[in-house]
PDB file of all heavy atoms in Angstrom:
ATOM      1  N   SER A   1       2.772   4.669   8.355  1.00  0.00           N
ATOM      2  CA  SER A   1       3.574   5.659   9.104  1.00  0.00           C
ATOM      3  C   SER A   1       4.532   4.961  10.026  1.00  0.00           C
ATOM      4  O   SER A   1       4.239   3.893  10.569  1.00  0.00           O
ATOM      5  CB  SER A   1       2.619   6.508   9.931  1.00  0.00           C
ATOM      6  OG  SER A   1       1.786   7.307   9.095  1.00  0.00           O
ATOM      7  N   SER A   2       5.750   5.572  10.107  1.00  0.00           N
ATOM      8  CA  SER A   2       6.779   4.917  10.884  1.00  0.00           C
ATOM      9  C   SER A   2       7.756   5.894  11.431  1.00  0.00           C
ATOM     10  O   SER A   2       7.911   7.014  10.884  1.00  0.00           O
ATOM     11  CB  SER A   2       7.615   3.932   9.948  1.00  0.00           C
ATOM     12  OG  SER A   2       8.724   3.402  10.634  1.00  0.00           O
ATOM     13  N   LYS A   3       8.393   5.601  12.541  1.00  0.00           N
ATOM     14  CA  LYS A   3       9.347   6.501  13.198  1.00  0.00           C
ATOM     15  C   LYS A   3      10.624   6.524  12.384  1.00  0.00           C
ATOM     16  O   LYS A   3      11.383   7.534  12.418  1.00  0.00           O
ATOM     17  CB  LYS A   3       9.648   6.067  14.629  1.00  0.00           C
ATOM     18  CG  LYS A   3       8.436   6.206  15.562  1.00  0.00           C
ATOM     19  CD  LYS A   3       8.806   5.816  16.988  1.00  0.00           C
ATOM     20  CE  LYS A   3       7.612   5.956  17.895  1.00  0.00           C
ATOM     21  NZ  LYS A   3       7.945   5.590  19.305  1.00  0.00           N
ATOM     22  N   GLY A   4      10.914   5.478  11.629  1.00  0.00           N
ATOM     23  CA  GLY A   4      12.086   5.376  10.781  1.00  0.00           C
ATOM     24  C   GLY A   4      11.649   5.152   9.349  1.00  0.00           C
ATOM     25  O   GLY A   4      10.613   5.633   8.898  1.00  0.00           O
ATOM     26  N   GLU A   5      12.447   4.370   8.588  1.00  0.00           N
ATOM     27  CA  GLU A   5      12.107   4.048   7.249  1.00  0.00           C
ATOM     28  C   GLU A   5      10.840   3.205   7.223  1.00  0.00           C
ATOM     29  O   GLU A   5      10.702   2.216   7.989  1.00  0.00           O
ATOM     30  CB  GLU A   5      13.241   3.306   6.543  1.00  0.00           C
ATOM     31  CG  GLU A   5      12.924   2.917   5.097  1.00  0.00           C
ATOM     32  CD  GLU A   5      14.049   2.147   4.424  1.00  0.00           C
ATOM     33  OE1 GLU A   5      15.014   1.866   5.089  1.00  0.00           O
ATOM     34  OE2 GLU A   5      13.891   1.832   3.239  1.00  0.00           O
ATOM     35  N   SER A   6       9.901   3.548   6.378  1.00  0.00           N
ATOM     36  CA  SER A   6       8.643   2.789   6.243  1.00  0.00           C
ATOM     37  C   SER A   6       8.916   1.603   5.360  1.00  0.00           C
ATOM     38  O   SER A   6       9.288   1.694   4.165  1.00  0.00           O
ATOM     39  CB  SER A   6       7.529   3.661   5.659  1.00  0.00           C
ATOM     40  OG  SER A   6       6.367   2.965   5.497  1.00  0.00           O
ATOM     41  N   ILE A   7       8.656   0.400   5.904  1.00  0.00           N
ATOM     42  CA  ILE A   7       8.795  -0.882   5.155  1.00  0.00           C
ATOM     43  C   ILE A   7       7.462  -1.213   4.489  1.00  0.00           C
ATOM     44  O   ILE A   7       6.478  -1.384   5.207  1.00  0.00           O
ATOM     45  CB  ILE A   7       9.271  -1.982   6.077  1.00  0.00           C
ATOM     46  CG1 ILE A   7      10.552  -1.600   6.835  1.00  0.00           C
ATOM     47  CG2 ILE A   7       9.496  -3.284   5.217  1.00  0.00           C
ATOM     48  CD1 ILE A   7      11.667  -1.237   5.964  1.00  0.00           C
ATOM     49  N   PRO A   8       7.394  -1.211   3.126  1.00  0.00           N
ATOM     50  CA  PRO A   8       6.083  -1.441   2.534  1.00  0.00           C
ATOM     51  C   PRO A   8       5.585  -2.802   2.658  1.00  0.00           C
ATOM     52  O   PRO A   8       6.332  -3.814   2.718  1.00  0.00           O
ATOM     53  CB  PRO A   8       6.371  -1.111   1.059  1.00  0.00           C
ATOM     54  CG  PRO A   8       7.818  -1.364   0.871  1.00  0.00           C
ATOM     55  CD  PRO A   8       8.478  -1.024   2.193  1.00  0.00           C
ATOM     56  N   ASN A   9       4.242  -2.955   2.686  1.00  0.00           N
ATOM     57  CA  ASN A   9       3.561  -4.239   2.626  1.00  0.00           C
ATOM     58  C   ASN A   9       2.963  -4.379   1.247  1.00  0.00           C
ATOM     59  O   ASN A   9       2.444  -3.447   0.683  1.00  0.00           O
ATOM     60  CB  ASN A   9       2.454  -4.256   3.651  1.00  0.00           C
ATOM     61  CG  ASN A   9       2.919  -4.034   5.094  1.00  0.00           C
ATOM     62  OD1 ASN A   9       3.859  -4.682   5.533  1.00  0.00           O
ATOM     63  ND2 ASN A   9       2.384  -3.092   5.801  1.00  0.00           N
ATOM     64  N   GLU A  10       3.031  -5.554   0.693  1.00  0.00           N
ATOM     65  CA  GLU A  10       2.495  -5.853  -0.625  1.00  0.00           C
ATOM     66  C   GLU A  10       0.933  -6.059  -0.565  1.00  0.00           C
ATOM     67  O   GLU A  10       0.473  -6.736   0.320  1.00  0.00           O
ATOM     68  CB  GLU A  10       3.132  -7.101  -1.263  1.00  0.00           C
ATOM     69  CG  GLU A  10       4.663  -6.923  -1.537  1.00  0.00           C
ATOM     70  CD  GLU A  10       4.913  -5.916  -2.646  1.00  0.00           C
ATOM     71  OE1 GLU A  10       4.088  -5.716  -3.494  1.00  0.00           O
ATOM     72  OE2 GLU A  10       5.963  -5.290  -2.530  1.00  0.00           O
ATOM     73  N   LEU A  11       0.245  -5.466  -1.457  1.00  0.00           N
ATOM     74  CA  LEU A  11      -1.210  -5.602  -1.534  1.00  0.00           C
ATOM     75  C   LEU A  11      -1.560  -6.193  -2.888  1.00  0.00           C
ATOM     76  O   LEU A  11      -0.989  -5.823  -3.953  1.00  0.00           O
ATOM     77  CB  LEU A  11      -1.889  -4.213  -1.394  1.00  0.00           C
ATOM     78  CG  LEU A  11      -1.679  -3.517  -0.059  1.00  0.00           C
ATOM     79  CD1 LEU A  11      -2.328  -2.100  -0.139  1.00  0.00           C
ATOM     80  CD2 LEU A  11      -2.239  -4.306   1.080  1.00  0.00           C
ATOM     81  N   ASN A  12      -2.484  -7.149  -2.922  1.00  0.00           N
ATOM     82  CA  ASN A  12      -2.903  -7.741  -4.185  1.00  0.00           C
ATOM     83  C   ASN A  12      -4.238  -7.249  -4.603  1.00  0.00           C
ATOM     84  O   ASN A  12      -5.218  -7.316  -3.895  1.00  0.00           O
ATOM     85  CB  ASN A  12      -3.003  -9.290  -3.969  1.00  0.00           C
ATOM     86  CG  ASN A  12      -1.643  -9.948  -3.661  1.00  0.00           C
ATOM     87  OD1 ASN A  12      -0.646  -9.559  -4.317  1.00  0.00           O
ATOM     88  ND2 ASN A  12      -1.614 -10.797  -2.695  1.00  0.00           N
ATOM     89  N   ALA A  13      -4.253  -6.618  -5.812  1.00  0.00           N
ATOM     90  CA  ALA A  13      -5.494  -6.080  -6.327  1.00  0.00           C
ATOM     91  C   ALA A  13      -6.199  -7.144  -7.194  1.00  0.00           C
ATOM     92  O   ALA A  13      -5.585  -8.016  -7.820  1.00  0.00           O
ATOM     93  CB  ALA A  13      -5.174  -4.911  -7.230  1.00  0.00           C
ATOM     94  N   THR A  14      -7.553  -7.085  -7.226  1.00  0.00           N
ATOM     95  CA  THR A  14      -8.334  -8.024  -8.058  1.00  0.00           C
ATOM     96  C   THR A  14      -8.377  -7.469  -9.466  1.00  0.00           C
ATOM     97  O   THR A  14      -7.818  -6.435  -9.833  1.00  0.00           O
ATOM     98  CB  THR A  14      -9.728  -8.124  -7.488  1.00  0.00           C
ATOM     99  OG1 THR A  14     -10.353  -6.837  -7.541  1.00  0.00           O
ATOM    100  CG2 THR A  14      -9.731  -8.571  -6.037  1.00  0.00           C
ATOM    101  N   GLY A  15      -9.041  -8.237 -10.349  1.00  0.00           N
ATOM    102  CA  GLY A  15      -9.079  -7.824 -11.757  1.00  0.00           C
ATOM    103  C   GLY A  15      -9.787  -6.489 -12.025  1.00  0.00           C
ATOM    104  O   GLY A  15      -9.412  -5.831 -13.014  1.00  0.00           O
ATOM    105  N   ASP A  16     -10.654  -6.049 -11.150  1.00  0.00           N
ATOM    106  CA  ASP A  16     -11.300  -4.763 -11.358  1.00  0.00           C
ATOM    107  C   ASP A  16     -10.564  -3.642 -10.651  1.00  0.00           C
ATOM    108  O   ASP A  16     -11.026  -2.479 -10.621  1.00  0.00           O
ATOM    109  CB  ASP A  16     -12.768  -4.824 -10.881  1.00  0.00           C
ATOM    110  CG  ASP A  16     -12.917  -5.055  -9.383  1.00  0.00           C
ATOM    111  OD1 ASP A  16     -11.833  -5.241  -8.709  1.00  0.00           O
ATOM    112  OD2 ASP A  16     -14.031  -5.039  -8.856  1.00  0.00           O
ATOM    113  N   GLY A  17      -9.389  -3.929 -10.066  1.00  0.00           N
ATOM    114  CA  GLY A  17      -8.567  -2.872  -9.481  1.00  0.00           C
ATOM    115  C   GLY A  17      -8.842  -2.676  -8.010  1.00  0.00           C
ATOM    116  O   GLY A  17      -8.199  -1.889  -7.371  1.00  0.00           O
ATOM    117  N   SER A  18      -9.802  -3.384  -7.452  1.00  0.00           N
ATOM    118  CA  SER A  18     -10.132  -3.172  -6.036  1.00  0.00           C
ATOM    119  C   SER A  18      -9.163  -4.026  -5.186  1.00  0.00           C
ATOM    120  O   SER A  18      -8.497  -4.952  -5.591  1.00  0.00           O
ATOM    121  CB  SER A  18     -11.571  -3.614  -5.749  1.00  0.00           C
ATOM    122  OG  SER A  18     -11.769  -4.988  -5.998  1.00  0.00           O
ATOM    123  N   PHE A  19      -9.068  -3.667  -3.865  1.00  0.00           N
ATOM    124  CA  PHE A  19      -8.217  -4.380  -2.958  1.00  0.00           C
ATOM    125  C   PHE A  19      -8.737  -4.109  -1.554  1.00  0.00           C
ATOM    126  O   PHE A  19      -9.543  -3.241  -1.296  1.00  0.00           O
ATOM    127  CB  PHE A  19      -6.757  -3.883  -3.056  1.00  0.00           C
ATOM    128  CG  PHE A  19      -6.581  -2.441  -2.702  1.00  0.00           C
ATOM    129  CD1 PHE A  19      -6.222  -2.120  -1.375  1.00  0.00           C
ATOM    130  CD2 PHE A  19      -6.774  -1.449  -3.625  1.00  0.00           C
ATOM    131  CE1 PHE A  19      -6.079  -0.757  -1.018  1.00  0.00           C
ATOM    132  CE2 PHE A  19      -6.630  -0.097  -3.282  1.00  0.00           C
ATOM    133  CZ  PHE A  19      -6.264   0.255  -2.005  1.00  0.00           C
ATOM    134  N   SER A  20      -8.234  -4.936  -0.616  1.00  0.00           N
ATOM    135  CA  SER A  20      -8.605  -4.720   0.766  1.00  0.00           C
ATOM    136  C   SER A  20      -7.297  -4.651   1.596  1.00  0.00           C
ATOM    137  O   SER A  20      -6.285  -5.252   1.176  1.00  0.00           O
ATOM    138  CB  SER A  20      -9.470  -5.844   1.258  1.00  0.00           C
ATOM    139  OG  SER A  20      -8.769  -7.108   1.192  1.00  0.00           O
ATOM    140  N   MET A  21      -7.387  -3.943   2.698  1.00  0.00           N
ATOM    141  CA  MET A  21      -6.186  -3.862   3.576  1.00  0.00           C
ATOM    142  C   MET A  21      -6.669  -3.758   5.007  1.00  0.00           C
ATOM    143  O   MET A  21      -7.794  -3.296   5.280  1.00  0.00           O
ATOM    144  CB  MET A  21      -5.280  -2.631   3.155  1.00  0.00           C
ATOM    145  CG  MET A  21      -6.047  -1.301   3.331  1.00  0.00           C
ATOM    146  SD  MET A  21      -4.954   0.095   2.878  1.00  0.00           S
ATOM    147  CE  MET A  21      -3.755   0.043   4.238  1.00  0.00           C
ATOM    148  N   LYS A  22      -5.848  -4.169   5.908  1.00  0.00           N
ATOM    149  CA  LYS A  22      -6.177  -4.094   7.362  1.00  0.00           C
ATOM    150  C   LYS A  22      -4.869  -3.868   8.089  1.00  0.00           C
ATOM    151  O   LYS A  22      -3.784  -4.179   7.635  1.00  0.00           O
ATOM    152  CB  LYS A  22      -6.902  -5.344   7.848  1.00  0.00           C
ATOM    153  CG  LYS A  22      -6.058  -6.612   7.713  1.00  0.00           C
ATOM    154  CD  LYS A  22      -6.870  -7.826   8.260  1.00  0.00           C
ATOM    155  CE  LYS A  22      -6.051  -9.106   8.163  1.00  0.00           C
ATOM    156  NZ  LYS A  22      -6.787 -10.249   8.706  1.00  0.00           N
ATOM    157  N   ILE A  23      -5.013  -3.344   9.286  1.00  0.00           N
ATOM    158  CA  ILE A  23      -3.842  -3.097  10.144  1.00  0.00           C
ATOM    159  C   ILE A  23      -3.911  -4.059  11.244  1.00  0.00           C
ATOM    160  O   ILE A  23      -4.988  -4.414  11.765  1.00  0.00           O
ATOM    161  CB  ILE A  23      -3.747  -1.643  10.577  1.00  0.00           C
ATOM    162  CG1 ILE A  23      -5.022  -1.251  11.365  1.00  0.00           C
ATOM    163  CG2 ILE A  23      -3.551  -0.697   9.414  1.00  0.00           C
ATOM    164  CD1 ILE A  23      -4.919   0.078  12.004  1.00  0.00           C
ATOM    165  N   GLY A  24      -2.787  -4.495  11.694  1.00  0.00           N
ATOM    166  CA  GLY A  24      -2.692  -5.410  12.853  1.00  0.00           C
ATOM    167  C   GLY A  24      -1.783  -4.949  13.891  1.00  0.00           C
ATOM    168  O   GLY A  24      -0.786  -4.313  13.660  1.00  0.00           O
ATOM    169  N   GLY A  25      -2.069  -5.285  15.126  1.00  0.00           N
ATOM    170  CA  GLY A  25      -1.231  -4.892  16.233  1.00  0.00           C
ATOM    171  C   GLY A  25      -1.446  -3.429  16.679  1.00  0.00           C
ATOM    172  O   GLY A  25      -2.172  -2.688  16.097  1.00  0.00           O
ATOM    173  N   LYS A  26      -0.665  -3.058  17.688  1.00  0.00           N
ATOM    174  CA  LYS A  26      -0.759  -1.690  18.217  1.00  0.00           C
ATOM    175  C   LYS A  26       0.048  -0.738  17.408  1.00  0.00           C
ATOM    176  O   LYS A  26       1.048  -1.103  16.788  1.00  0.00           O
ATOM    177  CB  LYS A  26      -0.365  -1.701  19.651  1.00  0.00           C
ATOM    178  CG  LYS A  26      -1.272  -2.551  20.598  1.00  0.00           C
ATOM    179  CD  LYS A  26      -0.825  -2.460  22.040  1.00  0.00           C
ATOM    180  CE  LYS A  26      -1.697  -3.240  22.969  1.00  0.00           C
ATOM    181  NZ  LYS A  26      -1.239  -3.185  24.386  1.00  0.00           N
ATOM    182  N   ASN A  27      -0.356   0.526  17.464  1.00  0.00           N
ATOM    183  CA  ASN A  27       0.427   1.581  16.864  1.00  0.00           C
ATOM    184  C   ASN A  27       0.684   1.393  15.391  1.00  0.00           C
ATOM    185  O   ASN A  27       1.703   1.752  14.830  1.00  0.00           O
ATOM    186  CB  ASN A  27       1.765   1.794  17.595  1.00  0.00           C
ATOM    187  CG  ASN A  27       1.588   2.105  19.049  1.00  0.00           C
ATOM    188  OD1 ASN A  27       0.709   2.899  19.388  1.00  0.00           O
ATOM    189  ND2 ASN A  27       2.422   1.491  19.875  1.00  0.00           N
ATOM    190  N   GLN A  28      -0.322   0.875  14.691  1.00  0.00           N
ATOM    191  CA  GLN A  28      -0.308   0.698  13.241  1.00  0.00           C
ATOM    192  C   GLN A  28      -1.269   1.572  12.471  1.00  0.00           C
ATOM    193  O   GLN A  28      -1.504   1.386  11.331  1.00  0.00           O
ATOM    194  CB  GLN A  28      -0.581  -0.786  12.871  1.00  0.00           C
ATOM    195  CG  GLN A  28       0.465  -1.761  13.389  1.00  0.00           C
ATOM    196  CD  GLN A  28       1.818  -1.539  12.704  1.00  0.00           C
ATOM    197  OE1 GLN A  28       1.949  -1.431  11.509  1.00  0.00           O
ATOM    198  NE2 GLN A  28       2.837  -1.448  13.547  1.00  0.00           N
ATOM    199  N   GLY A  29      -1.784   2.586  13.211  1.00  0.00           N
ATOM    200  CA  GLY A  29      -2.755   3.457  12.580  1.00  0.00           C
ATOM    201  C   GLY A  29      -2.140   4.653  11.932  1.00  0.00           C
ATOM    202  O   GLY A  29      -1.044   4.613  11.457  1.00  0.00           O
ATOM    203  N   ASN A  30      -2.878   5.791  11.958  1.00  0.00           N
ATOM    204  CA  ASN A  30      -2.490   7.026  11.363  1.00  0.00           C
ATOM    205  C   ASN A  30      -2.549   6.861   9.800  1.00  0.00           C
ATOM    206  O   ASN A  30      -3.184   5.939   9.274  1.00  0.00           O
ATOM    207  CB  ASN A  30      -1.173   7.566  11.820  1.00  0.00           C
ATOM    208  CG  ASN A  30      -1.081   9.000  11.920  1.00  0.00           C
ATOM    209  OD1 ASN A  30      -1.583   9.723  11.017  1.00  0.00           O
ATOM    210  ND2 ASN A  30      -0.486   9.559  12.998  1.00  0.00           N
ATOM    211  N   TYR A  31      -1.788   7.692   9.111  1.00  0.00           N
ATOM    212  CA  TYR A  31      -1.790   7.590   7.625  1.00  0.00           C
ATOM    213  C   TYR A  31      -1.018   6.426   7.094  1.00  0.00           C
ATOM    214  O   TYR A  31       0.071   6.122   7.561  1.00  0.00           O
ATOM    215  CB  TYR A  31      -1.190   8.883   7.004  1.00  0.00           C
ATOM    216  CG  TYR A  31      -2.145  10.078   7.005  1.00  0.00           C
ATOM    217  CD1 TYR A  31      -2.031  11.094   7.875  1.00  0.00           C
ATOM    218  CD2 TYR A  31      -3.183  10.129   6.041  1.00  0.00           C
ATOM    219  CE1 TYR A  31      -2.884  12.220   7.794  1.00  0.00           C
ATOM    220  CE2 TYR A  31      -4.044  11.187   5.999  1.00  0.00           C
ATOM    221  CZ  TYR A  31      -3.879  12.254   6.893  1.00  0.00           C
ATOM    222  OH  TYR A  31      -4.760  13.316   6.808  1.00  0.00           O
ATOM    223  N   HIS A  32      -1.560   5.812   6.038  1.00  0.00           N
ATOM    224  CA  HIS A  32      -0.855   4.800   5.251  1.00  0.00           C
ATOM    225  C   HIS A  32      -0.828   5.289   3.787  1.00  0.00           C
ATOM    226  O   HIS A  32      -1.789   5.802   3.268  1.00  0.00           O
ATOM    227  CB  HIS A  32      -1.575   3.455   5.272  1.00  0.00           C
ATOM    228  CG  HIS A  32      -1.392   2.709   6.570  1.00  0.00           C
ATOM    229  ND1 HIS A  32      -0.896   1.394   6.602  1.00  0.00           N
ATOM    230  CD2 HIS A  32      -1.606   3.056   7.864  1.00  0.00           C
ATOM    231  CE1 HIS A  32      -0.839   1.016   7.829  1.00  0.00           C
ATOM    232  NE2 HIS A  32      -1.264   1.954   8.663  1.00  0.00           N
ATOM    233  N   TRP A  33       0.377   5.199   3.167  1.00  0.00           N
ATOM    234  CA  TRP A  33       0.600   5.624   1.808  1.00  0.00           C
ATOM    235  C   TRP A  33       0.499   4.467   0.865  1.00  0.00           C
ATOM    236  O   TRP A  33       1.158   3.459   1.053  1.00  0.00           O
ATOM    237  CB  TRP A  33       1.926   6.296   1.657  1.00  0.00           C
ATOM    238  CG  TRP A  33       2.168   6.989   0.390  1.00  0.00           C
ATOM    239  CD1 TRP A  33       2.578   6.408  -0.810  1.00  0.00           C
ATOM    240  CD2 TRP A  33       1.950   8.389   0.088  1.00  0.00           C
ATOM    241  NE1 TRP A  33       2.619   7.377  -1.809  1.00  0.00           N
ATOM    242  CE2 TRP A  33       2.253   8.581  -1.254  1.00  0.00           C
ATOM    243  CE3 TRP A  33       1.521   9.437   0.901  1.00  0.00           C
ATOM    244  CZ2 TRP A  33       2.156   9.861  -1.861  1.00  0.00           C
ATOM    245  CZ3 TRP A  33       1.454  10.741   0.268  1.00  0.00           C
ATOM    246  CH2 TRP A  33       1.738  10.915  -1.110  1.00  0.00           C
ATOM    247  N   LEU A  34      -0.438   4.539  -0.145  1.00  0.00           N
ATOM    248  CA  LEU A  34      -0.633   3.428  -1.116  1.00  0.00           C
ATOM    249  C   LEU A  34      -0.113   3.799  -2.467  1.00  0.00           C
ATOM    250  O   LEU A  34      -0.378   4.894  -2.913  1.00  0.00           O
ATOM    251  CB  LEU A  34      -2.109   3.075  -1.140  1.00  0.00           C
ATOM    252  CG  LEU A  34      -2.834   2.863   0.221  1.00  0.00           C
ATOM    253  CD1 LEU A  34      -4.334   2.599  -0.007  1.00  0.00           C
ATOM    254  CD2 LEU A  34      -2.195   1.666   0.952  1.00  0.00           C
ATOM    255  N   THR A  35       0.584   2.876  -3.128  1.00  0.00           N
ATOM    256  CA  THR A  35       1.099   3.136  -4.418  1.00  0.00           C
ATOM    257  C   THR A  35       0.713   1.964  -5.365  1.00  0.00           C
ATOM    258  O   THR A  35       0.536   0.838  -4.910  1.00  0.00           O
ATOM    259  CB  THR A  35       2.634   3.232  -4.439  1.00  0.00           C
ATOM    260  OG1 THR A  35       3.215   1.969  -4.125  1.00  0.00           O
ATOM    261  CG2 THR A  35       3.138   4.311  -3.465  1.00  0.00           C
ATOM    262  N   ALA A  36       0.560   2.288  -6.668  1.00  0.00           N
ATOM    263  CA  ALA A  36       0.249   1.309  -7.673  1.00  0.00           C
ATOM    264  C   ALA A  36       1.121   1.567  -8.871  1.00  0.00           C
ATOM    265  O   ALA A  36       1.362   2.756  -9.247  1.00  0.00           O
ATOM    266  CB  ALA A  36      -1.204   1.333  -8.024  1.00  0.00           C
ATOM    267  N   THR A  37       1.615   0.552  -9.565  1.00  0.00           N
ATOM    268  CA  THR A  37       2.407   0.673 -10.751  1.00  0.00           C
ATOM    269  C   THR A  37       1.883  -0.265 -11.838  1.00  0.00           C
ATOM    270  O   THR A  37       1.432  -1.396 -11.552  1.00  0.00           O
ATOM    271  CB  THR A  37       3.880   0.245 -10.433  1.00  0.00           C
ATOM    272  OG1 THR A  37       4.332   1.043  -9.330  1.00  0.00           O
ATOM    273  CG2 THR A  37       4.744   0.455 -11.637  1.00  0.00           C
ATOM    274  N   ASP A  38       1.852   0.259 -13.091  1.00  0.00           N
ATOM    275  CA  ASP A  38       1.382  -0.621 -14.215  1.00  0.00           C
ATOM    276  C   ASP A  38       2.434  -1.602 -14.583  1.00  0.00           C
ATOM    277  O   ASP A  38       3.538  -1.595 -14.103  1.00  0.00           O
ATOM    278  CB  ASP A  38       0.926   0.251 -15.356  1.00  0.00           C
ATOM    279  CG  ASP A  38       2.051   0.878 -16.133  1.00  0.00           C
ATOM    280  OD1 ASP A  38       3.219   0.779 -15.644  1.00  0.00           O
ATOM    281  OD2 ASP A  38       1.791   1.478 -17.193  1.00  0.00           O
ATOM    282  N   ASP A  39       2.034  -2.562 -15.487  1.00  0.00           N
ATOM    283  CA  ASP A  39       2.988  -3.626 -15.867  1.00  0.00           C
ATOM    284  C   ASP A  39       4.253  -3.131 -16.548  1.00  0.00           C
ATOM    285  O   ASP A  39       5.262  -3.755 -16.464  1.00  0.00           O
ATOM    286  CB  ASP A  39       2.246  -4.631 -16.771  1.00  0.00           C
ATOM    287  CG  ASP A  39       1.115  -5.394 -16.075  1.00  0.00           C
ATOM    288  OD1 ASP A  39       1.148  -5.448 -14.875  1.00  0.00           O
ATOM    289  OD2 ASP A  39       0.191  -5.807 -16.722  1.00  0.00           O
ATOM    290  N   GLN A  40       4.145  -2.014 -17.237  1.00  0.00           N
ATOM    291  CA  GLN A  40       5.325  -1.481 -17.953  1.00  0.00           C
ATOM    292  C   GLN A  40       6.187  -0.575 -17.042  1.00  0.00           C
ATOM    293  O   GLN A  40       7.218  -0.018 -17.468  1.00  0.00           O
ATOM    294  CB  GLN A  40       4.890  -0.642 -19.185  1.00  0.00           C
ATOM    295  CG  GLN A  40       4.335  -1.495 -20.310  1.00  0.00           C
ATOM    296  CD  GLN A  40       2.951  -2.074 -20.031  1.00  0.00           C
ATOM    297  OE1 GLN A  40       2.084  -1.362 -19.503  1.00  0.00           O
ATOM    298  NE2 GLN A  40       2.707  -3.333 -20.394  1.00  0.00           N
ATOM    299  N   GLU A  41       5.707  -0.366 -15.783  1.00  0.00           N
ATOM    300  CA  GLU A  41       6.348   0.476 -14.822  1.00  0.00           C
ATOM    301  C   GLU A  41       6.656   1.883 -15.460  1.00  0.00           C
ATOM    302  O   GLU A  41       7.717   2.455 -15.235  1.00  0.00           O
ATOM    303  CB  GLU A  41       7.736  -0.153 -14.394  1.00  0.00           C
ATOM    304  CG  GLU A  41       7.526  -1.488 -13.653  1.00  0.00           C
ATOM    305  CD  GLU A  41       8.828  -2.022 -13.048  1.00  0.00           C
ATOM    306  OE1 GLU A  41       9.916  -1.421 -13.318  1.00  0.00           O
ATOM    307  OE2 GLU A  41       8.771  -3.064 -12.324  1.00  0.00           O
ATOM    308  N   SER A  42       5.627   2.364 -16.081  1.00  0.00           N
ATOM    309  CA  SER A  42       5.710   3.729 -16.596  1.00  0.00           C
ATOM    310  C   SER A  42       4.580   4.597 -16.108  1.00  0.00           C
ATOM    311  O   SER A  42       4.615   5.856 -16.298  1.00  0.00           O
ATOM    312  CB  SER A  42       5.677   3.691 -18.176  1.00  0.00           C
ATOM    313  OG  SER A  42       4.395   3.094 -18.608  1.00  0.00           O
ATOM    314  N   ARG A  43       3.626   4.006 -15.459  1.00  0.00           N
ATOM    315  CA  ARG A  43       2.474   4.823 -14.875  1.00  0.00           C
ATOM    316  C   ARG A  43       2.370   4.473 -13.425  1.00  0.00           C
ATOM    317  O   ARG A  43       2.331   3.301 -13.076  1.00  0.00           O
ATOM    318  CB  ARG A  43       1.219   4.607 -15.651  1.00  0.00           C
ATOM    319  CG  ARG A  43       1.205   5.012 -17.070  1.00  0.00           C
ATOM    320  CD  ARG A  43      -0.169   5.138 -17.676  1.00  0.00           C
ATOM    321  NE  ARG A  43      -0.899   3.878 -17.553  1.00  0.00           N
ATOM    322  CZ  ARG A  43      -2.218   3.759 -17.830  1.00  0.00           C
ATOM    323  NH1 ARG A  43      -2.912   4.827 -18.259  1.00  0.00           N
ATOM    324  NH2 ARG A  43      -2.796   2.596 -17.747  1.00  0.00           N
ATOM    325  N   PHE A  44       2.264   5.511 -12.558  1.00  0.00           N
ATOM    326  CA  PHE A  44       2.220   5.281 -11.179  1.00  0.00           C
ATOM    327  C   PHE A  44       1.040   6.077 -10.544  1.00  0.00           C
ATOM    328  O   PHE A  44       0.672   7.160 -11.079  1.00  0.00           O
ATOM    329  CB  PHE A  44       3.534   5.793 -10.488  1.00  0.00           C
ATOM    330  CG  PHE A  44       4.731   5.312 -11.223  1.00  0.00           C
ATOM    331  CD1 PHE A  44       5.459   6.149 -12.051  1.00  0.00           C
ATOM    332  CD2 PHE A  44       5.202   3.968 -11.088  1.00  0.00           C
ATOM    333  CE1 PHE A  44       6.591   5.761 -12.718  1.00  0.00           C
ATOM    334  CE2 PHE A  44       6.311   3.545 -11.735  1.00  0.00           C
ATOM    335  CZ  PHE A  44       7.064   4.434 -12.535  1.00  0.00           C
ATOM    336  N   ALA A  45       0.467   5.590  -9.484  1.00  0.00           N
ATOM    337  CA  ALA A  45      -0.578   6.276  -8.753  1.00  0.00           C
ATOM    338  C   ALA A  45      -0.384   6.114  -7.322  1.00  0.00           C
ATOM    339  O   ALA A  45       0.083   5.072  -6.818  1.00  0.00           O
ATOM    340  CB  ALA A  45      -1.975   5.712  -9.171  1.00  0.00           C
ATOM    341  N   SER A  46      -0.704   7.128  -6.552  1.00  0.00           N
ATOM    342  CA  SER A  46      -0.562   7.169  -5.118  1.00  0.00           C
ATOM    343  C   SER A  46      -1.806   7.735  -4.436  1.00  0.00           C
ATOM    344  O   SER A  46      -2.497   8.592  -5.017  1.00  0.00           O
ATOM    345  CB  SER A  46       0.683   7.987  -4.629  1.00  0.00           C
ATOM    346  OG  SER A  46       1.849   7.505  -5.195  1.00  0.00           O
TER     347      SER A  46
END
């Protein structure tokens, strides 16, 4: 969540599709939007 344009952070998924994320600093909470794209860039999930 951001007051202006949201700058995405890259997340690295493991082989089974799992991942971890954490927030740092103040005012980094509220909703975070997560996206995933397959290798062919034809299937997307949010």
